[in-house]
N, C-alpha and C. Protein backbone atom coordinates (compact mmCIF):
# COMPACT_ATOMS: atom_id res chain seq x y z
N UNK A 1 -0.41 -42.49 2.79
CA UNK A 1 -1.65 -42.32 2.99
C UNK A 1 -2.18 -40.70 3.31
N UNK A 2 -3.07 -39.93 2.86
CA UNK A 2 -3.15 -38.74 3.53
C UNK A 2 -4.00 -38.83 4.18
N UNK A 3 -4.27 -37.95 5.29
CA UNK A 3 -5.67 -38.11 6.29
C UNK A 3 -6.23 -37.18 5.27
N UNK A 4 -8.06 -37.65 5.71
CA UNK A 4 -8.85 -36.85 5.24
C UNK A 4 -9.22 -35.73 5.48
N UNK A 5 -9.07 -34.89 6.76
CA UNK A 5 -8.68 -33.80 7.20
C UNK A 5 -7.96 -33.03 6.50
N UNK A 6 -6.76 -33.73 5.94
CA UNK A 6 -6.05 -32.54 5.71
C UNK A 6 -6.86 -31.94 4.32
N UNK A 7 -7.62 -32.26 3.27
CA UNK A 7 -8.40 -32.06 2.55
C UNK A 7 -9.07 -31.03 2.74
N UNK A 8 -9.07 -30.11 1.48
CA UNK A 8 -10.14 -28.78 1.92
C UNK A 8 -11.06 -29.59 2.14
N UNK A 9 -11.87 -28.40 2.68
CA UNK A 9 -13.62 -28.96 3.44
C UNK A 9 -13.79 -30.30 4.20
N UNK A 10 -12.81 -31.11 4.53
CA UNK A 10 -13.43 -32.13 5.31
C UNK A 10 -12.93 -31.89 6.89
N UNK A 11 -13.64 -31.61 7.43
CA UNK A 11 -13.50 -31.72 8.81
C UNK A 11 -13.78 -32.59 9.85
N UNK A 12 -13.73 -32.33 11.06
CA UNK A 12 -13.78 -33.85 11.85
C UNK A 12 -14.98 -34.59 11.67
N UNK A 13 -16.30 -34.15 11.41
CA UNK A 13 -17.46 -34.62 11.43
C UNK A 13 -17.76 -35.12 9.83
N UNK A 14 -17.42 -34.50 8.74
CA UNK A 14 -17.44 -35.20 7.56
C UNK A 14 -16.07 -36.38 7.60
N UNK A 15 -15.12 -35.81 7.97
CA UNK A 15 -14.05 -37.28 7.84
C UNK A 15 -14.79 -38.47 9.08
N UNK A 16 -15.71 -38.20 9.97
CA UNK A 16 -15.87 -39.94 10.80
C UNK A 16 -16.56 -40.31 9.83
N UNK A 17 -17.97 -39.38 9.31
CA UNK A 17 -18.91 -39.99 8.37
C UNK A 17 -18.25 -40.79 7.57
N UNK A 18 -17.21 -40.63 6.62
CA UNK A 18 -16.53 -40.79 5.52
C UNK A 18 -15.89 -42.33 5.94
N UNK A 19 -15.20 -42.12 6.94
CA UNK A 19 -14.65 -43.56 8.02
C UNK A 19 -16.30 -44.75 8.27
N UNK A 20 -16.68 -44.62 8.43
CA UNK A 20 -17.83 -45.08 8.58
C UNK A 20 -18.25 -45.87 7.01
N UNK A 21 -18.48 -45.15 6.34
CA UNK A 21 -18.60 -46.02 4.85
C UNK A 21 -17.57 -46.69 4.32
N UNK A 22 -16.57 -46.84 4.58
CA UNK A 22 -15.41 -47.21 4.17
C UNK A 22 -14.52 -46.63 3.63
N UNK A 23 -14.75 -45.18 3.38
CA UNK A 23 -13.25 -43.95 3.01
C UNK A 23 -12.89 -43.81 4.00
N UNK A 24 -11.36 -44.27 4.28
CA UNK A 24 -10.62 -44.00 5.27
C UNK A 24 -9.30 -43.03 5.02
N UNK A 25 -8.85 -42.70 3.63
CA UNK A 25 -8.50 -41.75 3.77
C UNK A 25 -8.42 -40.80 2.06
N UNK A 26 -7.12 -39.90 2.28
CA UNK A 26 -7.89 -38.56 0.60
C UNK A 26 -7.74 -39.58 -0.48
N UNK A 27 -6.84 -40.74 -0.34
CA UNK A 27 -6.77 -41.45 -1.50
C UNK A 27 -7.86 -42.20 -2.06
N UNK A 28 -8.96 -42.57 -1.16
CA UNK A 28 -9.34 -43.60 -1.11
C UNK A 28 -11.05 -42.53 -1.27
N UNK A 29 -10.75 -41.43 -0.67
CA UNK A 29 -12.00 -40.10 -1.39
C UNK A 29 -11.63 -40.35 -3.12
N UNK A 30 -10.82 -39.96 -3.21
CA UNK A 30 -10.68 -39.47 -4.89
C UNK A 30 -10.59 -40.59 -5.46
N UNK A 31 -10.52 -41.59 -5.34
CA UNK A 31 -10.81 -43.24 -6.01
C UNK A 31 -12.36 -43.79 -6.55
N UNK A 32 -12.97 -43.22 -4.74
CA UNK A 32 -14.32 -42.90 -4.67
C UNK A 32 -14.95 -42.00 -5.78
N UNK A 33 -14.73 -40.85 -5.59
CA UNK A 33 -15.39 -39.62 -6.03
C UNK A 33 -16.62 -39.29 -5.40
N UNK A 34 -16.80 -38.24 -5.57
CA UNK A 34 -17.67 -37.54 -4.78
C UNK A 34 -19.00 -37.93 -4.95
N UNK A 35 -19.53 -38.20 -5.72
CA UNK A 35 -21.15 -38.79 -6.02
C UNK A 35 -21.56 -40.08 -5.14
N UNK A 36 -20.33 -41.19 -5.46
CA UNK A 36 -20.14 -42.11 -4.79
C UNK A 36 -20.20 -42.05 -3.46
N UNK A 37 -19.26 -41.68 -2.67
CA UNK A 37 -18.80 -40.77 -1.52
C UNK A 37 -20.14 -40.39 -0.82
N UNK A 38 -20.82 -39.89 -2.07
CA UNK A 38 -22.31 -38.88 -1.51
C UNK A 38 -23.67 -39.69 -1.17
N UNK A 39 -23.24 -41.19 -2.07
CA UNK A 39 -24.68 -41.78 -1.97
C UNK A 39 -24.27 -42.62 -1.00
N UNK A 40 -22.85 -43.03 -0.39
CA UNK A 40 -22.88 -43.70 0.55
C UNK A 40 -23.05 -43.52 2.23
N UNK A 41 -23.07 -41.75 1.99
CA UNK A 41 -23.08 -41.48 3.37
C UNK A 41 -24.74 -40.87 3.59
N UNK A 42 -25.18 -40.66 2.66
CA UNK A 42 -26.64 -40.44 2.43
C UNK A 42 -26.83 -41.76 3.14
N UNK A 43 -27.19 -42.93 2.87
CA UNK A 43 -27.42 -44.18 3.36
C UNK A 43 -27.49 -43.87 4.94
N UNK A 44 -26.63 -43.47 5.34
CA UNK A 44 -26.33 -43.50 6.82
C UNK A 44 -26.36 -42.11 7.51
N UNK A 45 -26.68 -40.93 6.89
CA UNK A 45 -26.97 -39.64 7.38
C UNK A 45 -28.02 -38.98 6.36
N UNK A 46 -29.50 -38.68 6.75
CA UNK A 46 -30.39 -38.89 6.12
C UNK A 46 -29.98 -36.72 5.98
N UNK A 47 -29.53 -36.14 6.52
CA UNK A 47 -29.35 -34.83 6.63
C UNK A 47 -27.86 -34.20 5.55
N UNK A 48 -27.41 -35.43 5.05
CA UNK A 48 -26.49 -34.99 3.84
C UNK A 48 -27.16 -34.15 2.55
N UNK A 49 -26.69 -32.97 2.69
CA UNK A 49 -27.57 -31.77 1.46
C UNK A 49 -26.08 -31.41 0.34
N UNK A 50 -26.56 -30.39 -0.35
CA UNK A 50 -26.02 -30.57 -1.27
C UNK A 50 -25.03 -29.83 -1.10
N UNK A 51 -25.00 -28.79 -0.12
CA UNK A 51 -23.03 -28.14 0.34
C UNK A 51 -22.20 -29.52 0.53
N UNK A 52 -22.43 -30.55 1.12
CA UNK A 52 -22.00 -31.63 1.67
C UNK A 52 -21.30 -32.61 0.21
N UNK A 53 -22.28 -32.77 -0.69
CA UNK A 53 -22.11 -32.81 -2.11
C UNK A 53 -20.56 -32.03 -2.53
N UNK A 54 -21.04 -30.32 -2.43
CA UNK A 54 -20.14 -29.60 -2.88
C UNK A 54 -18.75 -29.83 -2.22
N UNK A 55 -18.57 -29.91 -1.05
CA UNK A 55 -17.71 -30.19 -0.10
C UNK A 55 -16.87 -31.22 -0.43
N UNK A 56 -17.47 -32.53 -1.01
CA UNK A 56 -16.72 -33.90 -1.40
C UNK A 56 -16.07 -33.72 -3.06
N UNK A 57 -16.56 -32.90 -3.78
CA UNK A 57 -16.12 -32.91 -4.54
C UNK A 57 -14.96 -31.71 -4.61
N UNK A 58 -15.10 -30.57 -3.95
CA UNK A 58 -13.94 -29.64 -3.93
C UNK A 58 -12.53 -30.87 -2.99
N UNK A 59 -12.75 -31.26 -2.28
CA UNK A 59 -11.92 -32.22 -1.46
C UNK A 59 -11.49 -33.08 -2.37
N UNK A 60 -12.09 -33.49 -3.27
CA UNK A 60 -11.30 -34.42 -4.66
C UNK A 60 -10.32 -33.84 -5.18
N UNK A 61 -11.10 -31.96 -5.22
CA UNK A 61 -10.26 -31.55 -6.66
C UNK A 61 -9.16 -30.72 -5.77
N UNK A 62 -9.35 -31.09 -4.67
CA UNK A 62 -8.33 -30.31 -3.63
C UNK A 62 -8.54 -28.75 -3.70
N UNK A 63 -9.77 -28.43 -3.92
CA UNK A 63 -9.82 -26.78 -3.82
C UNK A 63 -10.86 -26.69 -2.78
N UNK A 64 -11.55 -25.24 -2.71
CA UNK A 64 -12.53 -25.31 -1.34
C UNK A 64 -13.51 -25.22 -2.37
N UNK A 65 -14.55 -25.50 -1.72
CA UNK A 65 -16.03 -25.93 -2.39
C UNK A 65 -16.66 -24.93 -3.05
N UNK A 66 -16.49 -23.33 -2.45
CA UNK A 66 -16.51 -22.44 -3.77
C UNK A 66 -15.96 -21.81 -4.56
N UNK A 67 -14.89 -22.39 -4.79
CA UNK A 67 -13.85 -22.42 -6.33
C UNK A 67 -14.39 -23.42 -7.09
N UNK A 68 -15.31 -24.41 -7.10
CA UNK A 68 -16.03 -25.28 -7.77
C UNK A 68 -16.19 -24.13 -9.07
N UNK A 69 -16.37 -24.95 -10.51
CA UNK A 69 -16.92 -23.92 -11.27
C UNK A 69 -18.32 -24.28 -11.67
N UNK A 70 -18.56 -22.94 -12.29
CA UNK A 70 -20.20 -23.29 -11.98
C UNK A 70 -20.94 -24.00 -12.77
N UNK A 71 -20.28 -24.79 -13.92
CA UNK A 71 -20.57 -26.33 -14.77
C UNK A 71 -20.97 -27.12 -13.53
N UNK A 72 -19.41 -27.53 -13.00
CA UNK A 72 -19.37 -28.74 -12.22
C UNK A 72 -20.56 -28.48 -10.75
N UNK A 73 -20.90 -27.42 -10.54
CA UNK A 73 -22.09 -27.04 -9.58
C UNK A 73 -23.33 -27.97 -9.90
N UNK A 74 -23.59 -27.37 -11.23
CA UNK A 74 -24.11 -27.59 -11.84
C UNK A 74 -24.79 -28.68 -12.22
N UNK A 75 -23.55 -29.67 -12.23
CA UNK A 75 -23.43 -31.09 -12.92
C UNK A 75 -24.15 -31.70 -11.21
N UNK A 76 -23.66 -31.36 -10.16
CA UNK A 76 -23.75 -31.68 -9.09
C UNK A 76 -24.90 -31.27 -8.70
N UNK A 77 -25.87 -30.17 -8.82
CA UNK A 77 -27.09 -30.08 -8.29
C UNK A 77 -27.87 -30.59 -9.42
N UNK A 78 -27.71 -31.61 -10.41
CA UNK A 78 -28.80 -32.15 -10.92
C UNK A 78 -28.79 -33.86 -10.58
N UNK A 79 -27.64 -33.86 -10.23
CA UNK A 79 -26.93 -35.33 -9.55
C UNK A 79 -28.10 -35.22 -7.94
N UNK A 80 -27.82 -34.41 -7.82
CA UNK A 80 -28.44 -34.36 -6.29
C UNK A 80 -29.91 -34.49 -6.12
N UNK A 81 -30.44 -33.64 -7.44
CA UNK A 81 -31.78 -33.57 -7.22
C UNK A 81 -32.71 -35.10 -7.28
N UNK A 82 -31.69 -35.64 -8.84
CA UNK A 82 -32.23 -36.82 -8.67
C UNK A 82 -32.19 -37.76 -7.72
N UNK A 83 -30.97 -37.84 -7.14
CA UNK A 83 -31.18 -38.45 -6.09
C UNK A 83 -32.02 -38.06 -4.42
N UNK A 84 -32.40 -37.30 -4.43
CA UNK A 84 -33.56 -37.05 -3.40
C UNK A 84 -34.97 -37.61 -4.34
N UNK A 85 -35.08 -37.54 -5.65
CA UNK A 85 -36.33 -37.80 -5.97
C UNK A 85 -36.76 -39.04 -5.91
N UNK A 86 -35.44 -40.36 -5.80
CA UNK A 86 -35.61 -41.74 -6.00
C UNK A 86 -35.85 -41.90 -4.83
N UNK A 87 -35.51 -41.27 -3.51
CA UNK A 87 -35.85 -41.71 -1.98
C UNK A 87 -37.25 -40.73 -1.76
């Protein structure tokens, strides 16, 4: 099992939030996916922002979030905006 903080973009605070929502290691995050993980975190953290979503996606892909493709960032931005409209 790989520690969450061994993934790119995942610091102690984000790792703590992931554990709070039941995602306890890197494998669990990868199988959950960035969007679902973000939804779970949003339920307990009203300050969850688009950069957190990018960070989660980068962690799933194993890259720094700055390296996400423009296409994937756009997909995540659409997802984020739809999520915010519902709340």
